[in-house]
Protein backbone atom coordinates (compact mmCIF):
# COMPACT_ATOMS: atom_id res chain seq x y z
CA MET A 1 -44.96 12.43 -24.20
CA LYS A 2 -43.04 11.14 -22.69
CA SER A 3 -43.51 12.34 -19.12
CA LEU A 4 -47.42 10.62 -19.31
CA PHE A 5 -45.78 7.50 -18.76
CA GLN A 6 -43.44 8.46 -16.09
CA PHE A 7 -45.46 6.79 -13.09
CA ARG A 8 -43.69 7.56 -9.76
CA SER A 9 -45.88 4.93 -7.72
CA ILE A 10 -45.64 1.05 -8.68
CA LYS A 11 -49.47 1.24 -7.81
CA ALA A 12 -49.80 3.50 -10.73
CA LYS A 13 -47.59 1.42 -13.08
CA LEU A 14 -49.31 -1.99 -12.00
CA ILE A 15 -52.56 0.21 -12.88
CA ALA A 16 -51.08 0.81 -16.01
CA PHE A 17 -49.47 -1.99 -17.46
CA SER A 18 -52.10 -4.51 -15.78
CA LEU A 19 -54.47 -1.71 -17.73
CA LEU A 20 -52.32 -2.25 -21.45
CA LEU A 21 -52.35 -6.17 -20.84
CA LEU A 22 -55.89 -6.25 -21.07
CA LEU A 23 -57.15 -3.69 -22.79
CA ILE A 24 -54.65 -4.92 -25.94
CA PRO A 25 -56.20 -8.17 -26.19
CA LEU A 26 -59.84 -6.81 -25.84
CA ILE A 27 -59.31 -4.03 -28.15
CA ILE A 28 -57.34 -7.01 -30.67
CA LEU A 29 -60.08 -9.11 -30.18
CA GLY A 30 -62.71 -6.63 -30.62
CA PHE A 31 -61.32 -5.57 -33.42
CA SER A 32 -60.57 -8.94 -35.48
CA SER A 33 -64.20 -9.67 -34.99
CA TYR A 34 -64.89 -6.28 -36.60
CA GLN A 35 -63.12 -6.81 -39.47
CA GLN A 36 -64.21 -10.66 -39.59
CA SER A 37 -67.67 -10.23 -39.43
CA LYS A 38 -67.24 -7.02 -42.16
CA ALA A 39 -65.69 -9.52 -44.55
CA ASN A 40 -67.74 -11.68 -43.49
CA LEU A 41 -70.99 -9.72 -44.15
CA GLU A 42 -69.06 -8.29 -47.42
CA THR A 43 -68.90 -11.95 -48.98
CA VAL A 44 -72.31 -12.68 -47.74
CA GLY A 45 -73.86 -9.27 -49.94
CA LYS A 46 -71.88 -9.87 -52.63
CA GLU A 47 -73.57 -13.30 -52.96
CA ASN A 48 -76.52 -11.90 -52.07
CA LEU A 49 -75.98 -9.53 -55.78
CA ARG A 50 -74.98 -12.33 -57.56
CA ASN A 51 -77.76 -14.35 -56.63
CA SER A 52 -80.45 -11.71 -57.40
CA VAL A 53 -78.75 -11.37 -60.69
CA GLU A 54 -78.72 -15.09 -61.41
CA MET A 55 -82.15 -15.32 -60.24
CA THR A 56 -83.15 -12.41 -62.64
CA ILE A 57 -81.23 -14.92 -65.57
CA ALA A 58 -83.28 -17.61 -64.51
CA MET A 59 -86.27 -15.48 -64.60
CA ILE A 60 -85.74 -14.23 -68.29
CA GLU A 61 -85.01 -17.95 -69.41
CA GLN A 62 -88.75 -18.49 -68.19
CA PHE A 63 -89.85 -15.43 -69.87
CA ASN A 64 -88.12 -16.42 -73.31
CA GLN A 65 -89.24 -19.72 -73.20
CA GLN A 66 -92.96 -18.29 -73.07
CA VAL A 67 -92.18 -15.96 -76.11
CA GLU A 68 -90.78 -18.90 -77.65
CA ALA A 69 -93.54 -20.92 -77.00
CA GLY A 70 -95.73 -17.49 -78.40
CA ASN A 71 -97.60 -17.35 -75.27
CA LEU A 72 -95.86 -13.96 -74.54
CA SER A 73 -94.50 -11.23 -76.87
CA LEU A 74 -90.92 -10.25 -76.36
CA GLU A 75 -91.54 -6.57 -75.08
CA GLU A 76 -94.81 -8.06 -72.47
CA ALA A 77 -91.83 -10.70 -71.41
CA GLN A 78 -89.24 -7.94 -70.83
CA GLU A 79 -91.39 -5.72 -69.68
CA LYS A 80 -92.62 -8.41 -66.84
CA VAL A 81 -88.96 -8.79 -65.86
CA LYS A 82 -88.62 -5.29 -64.93
CA ILE A 83 -91.52 -4.95 -63.29
CA ALA A 84 -90.18 -8.06 -61.22
CA ILE A 85 -86.77 -7.07 -60.73
CA LEU A 86 -87.95 -3.03 -60.31
CA GLY A 87 -92.00 -2.14 -60.03
CA GLU A 88 -93.97 -0.38 -62.58
CA LYS A 89 -93.06 2.82 -64.42
CA ASP A 90 -94.36 5.86 -62.55
CA SER A 91 -96.04 8.79 -64.25
CA GLU A 92 -92.33 10.41 -64.38
CA GLY A 93 -90.74 7.15 -66.24
CA LYS A 94 -89.50 6.52 -63.31
CA ARG A 95 -89.57 3.11 -61.21
CA PRO A 96 -89.70 2.37 -57.81
CA ILE A 97 -86.74 -0.45 -55.57
CA ASN A 98 -88.61 -3.57 -55.25
CA LYS A 99 -88.39 -4.14 -51.14
CA GLU A 100 -88.67 -7.55 -51.45
CA ILE A 101 -85.30 -8.00 -52.75
CA LYS A 102 -83.16 -7.71 -50.25
CA LEU A 103 -80.25 -5.58 -51.91
CA GLY A 104 -79.84 -3.26 -48.33
CA ASP A 105 -81.27 0.73 -47.78
CA ASN A 106 -80.03 1.51 -51.03
CA GLY A 107 -79.70 -1.54 -53.20
CA TYR A 108 -81.63 -2.52 -56.48
CA ILE A 109 -80.94 -3.92 -60.18
CA PHE A 110 -80.34 -2.56 -63.27
CA VAL A 111 -80.06 -3.57 -67.00
CA VAL A 112 -78.29 -1.95 -69.39
CA ASP A 113 -77.46 -3.35 -72.98
CA GLN A 114 -74.38 -3.61 -74.87
CA LYS A 115 -73.89 0.07 -75.63
CA GLY A 116 -74.92 1.26 -72.39
CA ASN A 117 -78.19 1.75 -72.70
CA SER A 118 -80.34 1.97 -69.12
CA ILE A 119 -83.41 -0.69 -70.18
CA ALA A 120 -84.13 -1.02 -66.41
CA HIS A 121 -83.23 1.62 -63.20
CA PRO A 122 -85.06 3.30 -60.74
CA ASN A 123 -84.16 7.02 -62.06
CA ILE A 124 -82.65 7.31 -65.33
CA GLU A 125 -84.02 3.93 -67.55
CA GLY A 126 -83.73 5.07 -71.33
CA SER A 127 -81.00 7.03 -70.91
CA ASN A 128 -76.87 5.88 -72.42
CA VAL A 129 -74.73 5.61 -69.11
CA TRP A 130 -71.92 4.48 -71.32
CA ASP A 131 -70.04 7.71 -70.22
CA GLU A 132 -70.44 7.64 -66.47
CA GLN A 133 -67.46 7.67 -63.93
CA ASP A 134 -67.18 8.71 -60.35
CA ASP A 135 -65.16 11.12 -59.03
CA SER A 136 -61.72 9.78 -59.87
CA GLY A 137 -62.81 9.75 -63.68
CA PHE A 138 -62.76 6.12 -63.41
CA LYS A 139 -65.70 5.05 -66.17
CA TYR A 140 -67.05 2.18 -63.69
CA MET A 141 -70.11 1.68 -66.96
CA GLN A 142 -67.78 0.51 -69.72
CA GLU A 143 -66.06 -2.27 -66.81
CA ILE A 144 -69.59 -3.23 -65.59
CA ILE A 145 -70.33 -4.29 -69.09
CA ALA A 146 -66.75 -5.67 -70.18
CA VAL A 147 -66.73 -7.52 -66.89
CA GLY A 148 -70.73 -8.60 -67.80
CA ASN A 149 -69.63 -10.00 -71.27
CA ASP A 150 -65.98 -12.00 -69.36
CA GLY A 151 -68.48 -14.15 -67.72
CA GLY A 152 -69.82 -12.30 -64.15
CA GLY A 153 -67.87 -10.35 -61.49
CA PHE A 154 -67.88 -7.86 -59.68
CA VAL A 155 -67.22 -3.77 -59.83
CA SER A 156 -66.49 -1.27 -57.58
CA TYR A 157 -66.58 2.21 -57.33
CA GLU A 158 -67.01 5.70 -55.40
CA TRP A 159 -70.43 6.91 -55.55
CA ALA A 160 -72.25 9.69 -53.38
CA LEU A 161 -74.86 8.64 -51.16
CA PRO A 162 -78.11 9.86 -51.86
CA ASN A 163 -79.21 13.51 -51.20
CA THR A 164 -75.56 13.24 -49.73
CA ASP A 165 -72.18 14.53 -51.05
CA GLN A 166 -71.11 11.77 -48.83
CA LEU A 167 -68.77 9.14 -51.34
CA GLU A 168 -69.15 5.62 -50.21
CA GLU A 169 -68.02 2.44 -51.70
CA LYS A 170 -70.77 0.77 -54.49
CA GLY A 171 -70.30 -2.58 -55.27
CA VAL A 172 -71.68 -4.41 -58.44
CA TYR A 173 -72.57 -7.48 -59.83
CA THR A 174 -72.93 -7.86 -63.09
CA GLU A 175 -73.41 -10.16 -65.50
CA THR A 176 -74.84 -10.91 -69.40
CA ASP A 177 -77.84 -12.99 -70.54
CA PRO A 178 -77.71 -15.52 -72.80
CA TYR A 179 -81.25 -14.60 -74.21
CA TRP A 180 -81.67 -11.21 -74.33
CA GLY A 181 -78.27 -10.03 -74.50
CA TRP A 182 -78.77 -7.60 -71.39
CA VAL A 183 -76.51 -7.05 -69.11
CA ILE A 184 -78.18 -7.50 -65.50
CA GLY A 185 -76.08 -5.70 -62.68
CA ALA A 186 -77.14 -5.62 -58.96
CA SER A 187 -75.65 -2.70 -57.32
CA THR A 188 -75.77 -1.33 -53.15
CA TYR A 189 -73.97 0.66 -51.25
CA LEU A 190 -71.47 -2.07 -49.31
CA MET A 191 -71.93 -0.12 -46.22
CA ASP A 192 -75.33 -1.53 -46.01
CA PHE A 193 -73.77 -4.96 -45.31
CA ASN A 194 -71.48 -3.66 -42.90
CA LYS A 195 -74.25 -2.20 -40.61
CA PRO A 196 -74.52 -5.41 -38.72
CA ALA A 197 -70.70 -5.33 -38.33
CA GLU A 198 -71.10 -1.93 -36.83
CA SER A 199 -73.27 -3.36 -34.56
CA ILE A 200 -71.19 -5.76 -33.46
CA LEU A 201 -68.40 -2.73 -32.91
CA LYS A 202 -70.28 -0.85 -30.70
CA LEU A 203 -71.33 -3.68 -28.48
CA THR A 204 -67.37 -5.11 -28.93
CA ILE A 205 -66.84 -0.97 -27.37
CA ILE A 206 -69.29 -1.70 -24.84
CA VAL A 207 -67.97 -5.28 -23.63
CA ILE A 208 -64.85 -3.27 -23.56
CA ALA A 209 -65.71 -0.56 -21.80
CA ILE A 210 -67.61 -2.60 -19.13
CA ALA A 211 -64.31 -4.64 -19.30
CA VAL A 212 -62.22 -1.82 -18.48
CA ILE A 213 -64.09 -0.56 -15.71
CA VAL A 214 -64.54 -4.02 -14.05
CA GLY A 215 -60.55 -4.26 -14.71
CA ILE A 216 -59.83 -1.38 -13.19
CA PHE A 217 -61.82 -1.92 -9.81
CA VAL A 218 -59.86 -5.28 -9.62
CA ILE A 219 -56.62 -4.18 -10.93
CA TRP A 220 -56.55 -1.05 -8.53
CA GLN A 221 -57.66 -3.61 -5.27
CA TYR A 222 -54.77 -5.52 -6.64
CA ALA A 223 -52.47 -3.24 -6.83
CA SER A 224 -53.66 -1.56 -3.49
CA SER A 225 -52.68 -4.91 -1.97
CA MET A 226 -49.13 -5.38 -3.35
CA ALA A 227 -48.39 -1.42 -3.64
CA LYS A 228 -49.78 -1.15 0.39
CA PRO A 229 -47.09 -3.30 1.94
CA ILE A 230 -44.36 -1.97 -0.53
CA ASN A 231 -45.06 1.39 0.54
CA ARG A 232 -44.83 0.21 4.44
CA VAL A 233 -41.35 -0.56 3.43
CA ALA A 234 -39.95 2.29 1.06
CA GLN A 235 -41.57 4.56 4.36
CA ALA A 236 -39.82 2.16 6.97
CA MET A 237 -36.50 2.49 4.26
CA GLU A 238 -36.96 6.11 4.35
CA GLN A 239 -36.68 6.36 8.27
CA PHE A 240 -34.00 4.12 8.15
CA ALA A 241 -31.54 6.80 5.34
CA GLN A 242 -32.72 9.28 7.58
CA GLY A 243 -31.09 7.08 10.91
CA ASP A 244 -34.68 6.19 12.56
CA LEU A 245 -33.91 2.65 13.60
CA SER A 246 -36.30 3.00 16.49
CA GLN A 247 -39.58 2.34 14.44
CA ASP A 248 -41.19 -1.65 14.97
CA SER A 249 -40.55 -4.39 12.64
CA ILE A 250 -43.62 -4.23 10.30
CA SER A 251 -45.42 -7.62 9.84
CA ILE A 252 -46.56 -8.88 6.71
CA ARG A 253 -47.71 -12.25 6.39
CA SER A 254 -47.64 -12.90 2.33
CA LYS A 255 -44.87 -15.42 1.84
CA ASP A 256 -44.16 -13.80 -1.68
CA GLU A 257 -41.19 -11.39 -2.78
CA ILE A 258 -42.89 -8.40 -0.75
CA GLY A 259 -43.54 -10.68 2.27
CA LYS A 260 -39.58 -11.93 1.65
CA LEU A 261 -38.61 -8.18 1.28
CA ALA A 262 -40.39 -6.54 4.52
CA ASN A 263 -38.38 -10.16 6.60
CA ALA A 264 -35.42 -8.74 4.91
CA MET A 265 -35.73 -5.08 5.43
CA ASN A 266 -36.30 -6.39 9.61
CA GLN A 267 -33.16 -8.67 9.45
CA MET A 268 -31.71 -5.72 8.03
CA GLN A 269 -32.83 -3.33 10.71
CA GLN A 270 -31.74 -5.49 13.74
CA LYS A 271 -28.60 -6.22 12.11
CA LEU A 272 -28.26 -2.09 11.30
CA LYS A 273 -29.10 -1.71 15.31
CA ASP A 274 -26.37 -4.35 16.52
CA MET A 275 -23.92 -3.38 13.99
CA ILE A 276 -24.16 0.57 15.22
CA HIS A 277 -24.28 -0.63 19.12
CA ASN A 278 -20.95 -2.49 18.61
CA ILE A 279 -19.12 0.56 16.37
CA ALA A 280 -20.60 3.12 19.29
CA GLN A 281 -19.20 0.86 21.95
CA ALA A 282 -15.98 0.57 19.37
CA SER A 283 -15.66 3.91 19.25
CA ASP A 284 -15.89 4.28 23.02
CA LEU A 285 -13.19 2.06 23.89
CA ILE A 286 -10.89 3.47 20.65
CA ASN A 287 -11.72 7.03 22.43
CA THR A 288 -10.16 5.86 26.04
CA SER A 289 -7.79 3.94 24.59
CA SER A 290 -6.72 7.08 22.59
CA LYS A 291 -6.48 8.88 25.20
CA GLU A 292 -4.55 6.54 27.51
CA LEU A 293 -1.92 6.51 24.75
CA THR A 294 -1.79 9.49 24.44
CA GLN A 295 -1.17 9.88 28.41
CA SER A 296 1.33 6.53 27.90
CA ALA A 297 2.90 8.40 25.11
CA ASN A 298 3.37 11.61 26.92
CA GLU A 299 5.13 10.04 29.94
CA VAL A 300 6.84 7.96 27.62
CA ASN A 301 8.40 11.02 26.03
CA MET A 302 8.77 12.38 29.39
CA GLY A 303 11.02 9.58 30.41
CA ALA A 304 12.79 9.78 26.99
CA GLU A 305 13.94 13.54 27.75
CA GLN A 306 14.92 12.51 31.08
CA VAL A 307 16.99 9.77 29.64
CA ALA A 308 18.33 12.46 27.18
CA ILE A 309 19.47 14.73 29.80
CA THR A 310 20.76 11.81 31.64
CA MET A 311 22.68 10.78 28.15
CA HIS A 312 24.22 14.29 27.47
CA GLU A 313 24.70 14.34 31.25
CA LEU A 314 26.80 11.64 30.59
CA ALA A 315 28.18 12.07 27.26
CA SER A 316 29.96 15.30 29.06
CA GLY A 317 30.87 13.24 31.59
CA ALA A 318 32.48 10.29 29.68
CA GLU A 319 33.68 13.48 27.14
CA GLY A 320 35.98 15.14 30.88
CA GLN A 321 36.68 11.05 31.69
CA ALA A 322 38.07 10.51 28.15
CA HIS A 323 39.67 14.64 28.00
CA HIS A 324 41.63 13.30 31.44
CA SER A 325 42.75 10.13 30.83
CA ASN A 326 44.28 11.25 27.72
CA GLU A 327 45.78 14.24 29.27
CA LEU A 328 46.89 10.99 32.45
CA THR A 329 48.45 8.97 29.34
CA SER A 330 50.60 11.66 28.13
CA LEU A 331 51.41 12.77 31.84
CA MET A 332 52.40 8.71 31.81
CA GLU A 333 54.38 8.74 28.68
CA ARG A 334 56.66 11.77 30.19
CA PHE A 335 56.77 9.90 33.34
CA THR A 336 57.81 6.33 32.17
CA ALA A 337 60.13 8.56 30.38
CA ASP A 338 61.97 10.33 33.36
CA LEU A 339 62.07 6.59 35.05
CA GLN A 340 63.95 4.68 32.09
CA GLU A 341 65.88 7.97 32.29
CA THR A 342 66.49 7.51 36.44
CA ASN A 343 67.05 3.79 35.84
CA GLN A 344 69.89 4.58 33.51
CA HIS A 345 70.92 7.21 35.93
CA GLY A 346 70.60 4.49 38.73
CA ALA A 347 72.65 1.88 36.31
CA HIS A 348 75.74 4.39 35.91
CA ILE A 349 75.06 5.38 40.06
CA HIS A 350 75.72 1.35 40.44
CA GLN A 351 78.38 1.52 37.57
CA SER A 352 80.21 4.62 38.90
CA SER A 353 79.70 3.42 42.63
CA VAL A 354 81.70 -0.27 41.68
CA GLU A 355 84.19 2.19 39.98
CA VAL A 356 84.80 4.15 43.20
CA LEU A 357 85.04 0.89 45.23
CA ALA A 358 87.83 -0.37 42.91
CA LEU A 359 89.42 2.93 43.31
CA THR A 360 89.17 2.69 47.46
CA ASN A 361 90.91 -0.97 47.28
CA GLU A 362 93.60 0.54 45.51
CA GLY A 363 95.08 2.79 48.01
CA SER A 364 95.85 6.02 48.89
CA GLN A 365 97.55 6.63 45.72
CA LEU A 366 94.31 7.46 44.05
CA MET A 367 92.32 9.39 46.81
CA THR A 368 92.73 12.32 44.57
CA SER A 369 91.05 10.64 41.87
CA SER A 370 89.07 9.41 44.37
CA ASN A 371 87.89 12.26 45.38
CA SER A 372 87.52 13.96 42.06
CA GLN A 373 84.70 10.80 41.76
CA MET A 374 83.35 11.43 45.06
CA VAL A 375 82.47 14.90 44.12
CA LYS A 376 80.93 13.48 40.91
CA ILE A 377 79.09 11.08 42.67
CA ASP A 378 77.54 13.38 44.77
CA SER A 379 76.56 15.51 41.62
CA ILE A 380 75.02 12.38 40.22
CA VAL A 381 73.58 11.43 43.44
CA GLN A 382 72.02 15.28 43.65
CA ASN A 383 70.87 14.72 40.55
CA ALA A 384 69.26 11.45 41.57
CA VAL A 385 67.91 12.88 44.78
CA GLU A 386 65.98 15.82 42.24
CA LYS A 387 65.15 13.14 40.04
CA VAL A 388 63.49 10.92 42.43
CA LYS A 389 61.85 14.10 44.06
CA ASN A 390 60.29 15.12 40.46
CA LEU A 391 59.27 11.71 40.15
CA ASP A 392 57.70 11.76 43.54
CA ALA A 393 55.62 15.26 42.65
CA GLN A 394 54.63 13.73 39.80
CA ALA A 395 53.33 10.57 41.08
CA GLN A 396 51.81 12.86 43.29
CA GLU A 397 50.04 14.40 40.39
CA ILE A 398 49.18 11.12 39.03
CA SER A 399 47.38 10.00 42.08
CA LYS A 400 45.03 13.45 41.42
CA LEU A 401 43.93 12.71 38.22
CA VAL A 402 43.39 9.25 39.40
CA VAL A 403 41.02 10.45 42.03
CA VAL A 404 39.53 12.67 39.40
CA ILE A 405 39.05 9.67 37.49
CA LYS A 406 37.62 7.62 40.40
CA ASP A 407 35.15 10.05 40.91
CA ILE A 408 34.06 10.39 37.32
CA ALA A 409 33.56 6.57 37.54
CA ASP A 410 31.56 6.67 40.67
CA GLN A 411 29.64 9.85 38.68
CA THR A 412 28.87 7.65 35.78
CA ASN A 413 27.99 4.33 37.46
CA LEU A 414 25.85 6.65 38.83
CA LEU A 415 23.99 8.24 36.30
CA ALA A 416 23.77 5.05 34.55
CA LEU A 417 21.61 3.77 37.40
CA ASN A 418 19.58 6.84 36.75
CA ALA A 419 19.16 5.73 32.83
CA ALA A 420 17.98 2.47 34.11
CA ILE A 421 15.71 3.69 36.26
CA GLU A 422 14.01 5.63 33.77
CA ALA A 423 14.30 2.93 30.85
CA ALA A 424 12.83 0.76 33.14
CA ARG A 425 9.96 2.58 33.68
CA ALA A 426 9.61 3.77 29.79
CA GLY A 427 8.73 0.27 29.85
CA GLU A 428 9.05 -1.65 26.17
CA GLN A 429 10.19 1.70 24.44
CA GLY A 430 13.04 1.67 26.93
CA LYS A 431 14.04 -1.39 26.76
CA GLY A 432 16.83 -0.35 24.36
CA PHE A 433 17.84 2.17 26.86
CA ALA A 434 18.05 -0.33 29.78
CA VAL A 435 20.81 -2.02 27.73
CA VAL A 436 22.70 0.71 26.64
CA ALA A 437 22.54 2.24 30.11
CA ASP A 438 23.98 -1.66 31.95
CA GLU A 439 26.66 -1.73 29.00
CA VAL A 440 27.66 2.45 30.69
CA ARG A 441 27.48 1.17 33.73
CA LYS A 442 29.77 -1.85 33.05
CA LEU A 443 32.44 0.11 31.67
CA ALA A 444 32.65 2.15 34.76
CA GLU A 445 32.96 -0.70 36.43
CA GLN A 446 35.57 -1.40 34.91
CA VAL A 447 37.00 1.91 34.85
CA ALA A 448 36.78 1.90 38.70
CA PHE A 449 38.65 -1.47 38.49
CA SER A 450 41.18 0.10 36.69
CA VAL A 451 41.45 2.97 38.97
CA ASN A 452 41.88 1.11 41.81
CA ASP A 453 44.53 -0.75 40.21
CA ILE A 454 46.27 2.23 39.36
CA THR A 455 46.00 3.81 42.72
CA SER A 456 47.40 0.33 43.94
CA ILE A 457 50.41 0.80 41.50
CA VAL A 458 50.70 4.46 42.24
CA THR A 459 50.77 3.82 45.63
CA ASN A 460 53.73 0.88 45.32
CA ILE A 461 55.22 3.50 43.29
CA GLN A 462 55.12 6.18 46.14
CA GLN A 463 56.75 3.90 48.59
CA ASP A 464 58.87 2.77 46.44
CA PHE A 465 60.15 6.37 45.37
CA ASP A 466 60.03 7.03 50.05
CA VAL A 467 62.46 3.97 50.12
CA VAL A 468 64.86 5.32 46.81
CA THR A 469 64.35 8.86 48.47
CA THR A 470 65.62 7.53 51.76
CA SER A 471 68.69 5.70 49.96
CA LEU A 472 69.34 8.56 48.03
CA GLU A 473 69.34 10.62 50.97
CA ASP A 474 71.28 8.52 52.78
CA GLY A 475 73.57 7.36 49.66
CA TYR A 476 74.30 11.12 49.88
CA GLN A 477 75.14 11.56 53.15
CA GLU A 478 77.56 8.80 53.08
CA VAL A 479 79.30 10.38 50.51
CA LYS A 480 79.72 13.86 51.70
CA GLU A 481 80.89 12.59 54.84
CA GLY A 482 83.34 10.57 53.09
CA THR A 483 84.13 12.98 50.77
CA ASN A 484 84.96 15.16 53.89
CA GLN A 485 86.78 12.14 55.80
CA ILE A 486 88.84 11.61 52.52
CA LYS A 487 89.71 15.28 52.19
CA ALA A 488 89.91 15.38 56.04
CA THR A 489 91.67 12.15 56.57
CA SER A 490 92.62 9.04 54.86
CA GLU A 491 92.93 8.18 58.22
CA THR A 492 89.55 7.15 57.59
CA PHE A 493 89.69 5.42 54.29
CA ASN A 494 88.79 2.31 55.79
CA THR A 495 85.59 4.06 57.14
CA ILE A 496 85.43 5.58 53.80
CA SER A 497 85.56 2.10 52.11
CA TYR A 498 82.97 0.76 54.26
CA SER A 499 80.55 3.66 53.72
CA ILE A 500 81.37 3.51 49.92
CA ASN A 501 80.25 -0.58 50.47
CA ASP A 502 77.34 0.65 51.52
CA VAL A 503 76.23 3.07 49.10
CA VAL A 504 77.44 0.46 46.36
CA GLU A 505 74.56 -1.64 47.76
CA SER A 506 72.39 1.20 48.11
CA VAL A 507 72.84 2.17 44.63
CA LYS A 508 71.68 -1.56 44.12
CA LEU A 509 69.22 -1.15 46.08
CA ILE A 510 67.71 1.84 43.95
CA SER A 511 68.97 0.51 40.47
CA THR A 512 66.54 -2.67 41.19
CA ASN A 513 64.03 -0.36 42.48
CA LEU A 514 64.04 1.92 39.70
CA SER A 515 63.38 -1.34 37.11
CA LYS A 516 60.88 -1.90 38.90
CA VAL A 517 59.49 1.70 39.30
CA THR A 518 60.14 1.53 35.38
CA GLU A 519 58.60 -1.70 34.78
CA ASP A 520 55.12 -0.67 36.82
CA GLY A 521 55.15 2.80 35.25
CA ARG A 522 54.79 0.52 31.86
CA LYS A 523 51.98 -1.17 33.56
CA MET A 524 50.09 2.06 34.77
CA ASN A 525 50.63 3.47 31.61
CA ASN A 526 49.18 0.94 29.41
CA SER A 527 46.40 0.84 31.89
CA ILE A 528 45.97 4.30 31.60
CA GLN A 529 45.44 3.95 27.75
CA GLU A 530 42.86 1.14 28.55
CA ILE A 531 41.15 3.45 30.50
CA ALA A 532 41.30 6.19 27.59
CA ALA A 533 39.76 3.62 25.11
CA VAL A 534 37.38 3.00 27.17
CA ALA A 535 36.30 5.85 27.96
CA GLU A 536 36.45 6.91 24.23
CA GLU A 537 34.00 4.14 23.49
CA SER A 538 32.20 4.68 26.53
CA ALA A 539 32.10 8.25 25.11
CA ALA A 540 30.57 6.64 22.06
CA GLY A 541 27.87 4.36 23.36
CA VAL A 542 26.56 7.54 25.53
CA GLU A 543 26.25 9.77 21.98
CA GLN A 544 24.75 6.70 20.06
CA THR A 545 22.32 6.15 23.35
CA THR A 546 21.04 10.19 23.44
CA ALA A 547 20.28 9.49 19.32
CA THR A 548 18.16 6.93 20.28
CA THR A 549 16.50 8.74 22.94
CA GLU A 550 16.19 11.39 20.63
CA GLU A 551 15.07 9.27 17.95
CA THR A 552 12.31 7.66 20.60
CA SER A 553 11.23 10.84 21.62
CA SER A 554 10.05 11.90 17.91
CA SER A 555 8.76 8.64 17.92
CA MET A 556 6.32 9.68 21.21
CA ASP A 557 5.68 12.46 19.53
CA ASP A 558 4.55 10.92 16.24
CA MET A 559 2.84 8.32 18.51
CA ALA A 560 0.72 10.98 20.54
CA GLY A 561 -0.31 13.08 17.14
CA LYS A 562 -1.42 10.06 16.05
CA SER A 563 -3.18 9.22 19.01
CA ALA A 564 -4.89 12.15 19.03
CA GLN A 565 -5.56 11.59 15.62
CA LEU A 566 -7.31 8.92 16.66
CA SER A 567 -9.57 10.18 19.15
CA GLU A 568 -10.38 13.04 16.91
CA LEU A 569 -11.98 10.08 14.57
CA ALA A 570 -13.60 7.91 17.52
CA LEU A 571 -15.52 11.42 18.50
CA GLN A 572 -16.43 11.95 14.45
CA LEU A 573 -17.39 8.54 14.22
CA LYS A 574 -19.61 8.62 17.56
CA ALA A 575 -21.21 11.65 16.07
CA LEU A 576 -22.37 10.18 12.73
CA ILE A 577 -23.49 7.01 15.23
CA ALA A 578 -25.42 9.92 17.28
CA GLN A 579 -27.63 10.67 13.85
CA PHE A 580 -29.14 7.43 14.36
CA LYS A 581 -31.88 6.38 16.64
CA LEU A 582 -32.01 3.03 17.91
């Protein structure tokens, strides 16, 4: 049942609801008119029944006056009344229905007495109808007599139509005449009164049918005029749903909601075209940009990898530099200790020379003692010469290490320059590398400056060593000569005294130079320690730069992956847009 009212088109809905709006008032109006006409006809019919009874009572009154005047007997008067309301009795004892009295097709007037005897009736006159009842058991005759005695009124009951078994409602107006005591009733089927109402009902049905036919035609035309543009809009929307936006705009002249709907759809179509066109352009731009971004990310990644390789090389060089610096520091510590010991020996030589000079001045009696002292001096000077030669060899080793450090610093500076170049190629992503590379370059320059200072100091030390060595060798020769002269002859004592004076001066010079060498060695040791600290700091900076480079490389890989995903999304978006036909 529910499916009968599920209309799939707005046209069917308009027709259905318009017909409902047309039929419901017509049916209600027709039914109300029928019921009102039926009620009015029943009222008129009942009034006609009552008038017939009252007319009969008035007629009885007139005949009763003639009876009282002696003009008629009671039997004659009563018979005249029976003939007047029905007709003369035939041979079968029945009376016809008086057609002059309009009580419907089957209506008539009848008379009974107080005991239910039929005094006047078309068919059962002379019979007792006191116990008559309808099919429901209602004893209608007793009710008719009772109502008539109560001043009159209507009684209804079910009774079969003539020559049929069909039951219909029958109405009776009954009233007792005050002269003869008759209970007079006017009876008919109510359907006889409602026949005009049936005609009204038929006419109403015809009018409704005509109105429905005309209404269907008008509603059909109206619904078509409304549904046609809506169908056009619906078809256009279906094309939109399939991605076809190439159809022409819909032209609807009406200014109502349908026209507004069509105009709104046309605007939506144009906006969709513009939007999809812009999306297509944006998709192409995104695809191109993502490819460029992927290429840039790959280039930056390659540069970052090159920087990482360079940083690894820098780290290796910095570690080697730090290692050599530590070795140089240890060597300089030993060298400084040897210098201090040599300085002490020089001071001791100086003191011994002074003592020798004093002993020489004492005289020849101390020659033997002087000879022993000269032997001791000879040993000390020989030891000093050996120490100085060892110091000279260590200074040469220091020079070699300084050359190695200088080469490492130059290589570090070159690698820092290469890292700065690679960072500049990386653009914004390489700014951090450029800063670190610049710091490494500065550290390399500081190392180079320190190496130059160390080279200068070592050169001075070597020169001083040469002077000390020469002086010691000269002093040693002088001591040997003095010893030989002391051994050979005391005559050469004055020469020895002079030689010893020279030795004292030489030893003094040696002591002074050794003090300078010791001070220079201490400074060189401090510089080398600073170089070691700078090398360690440089190694740490290079390691940090390497870690940053690796992180940047990882970020570039992620960026390249995201760029590839963006390119894939742009292609998917372009494929979706391609489904639309502009």
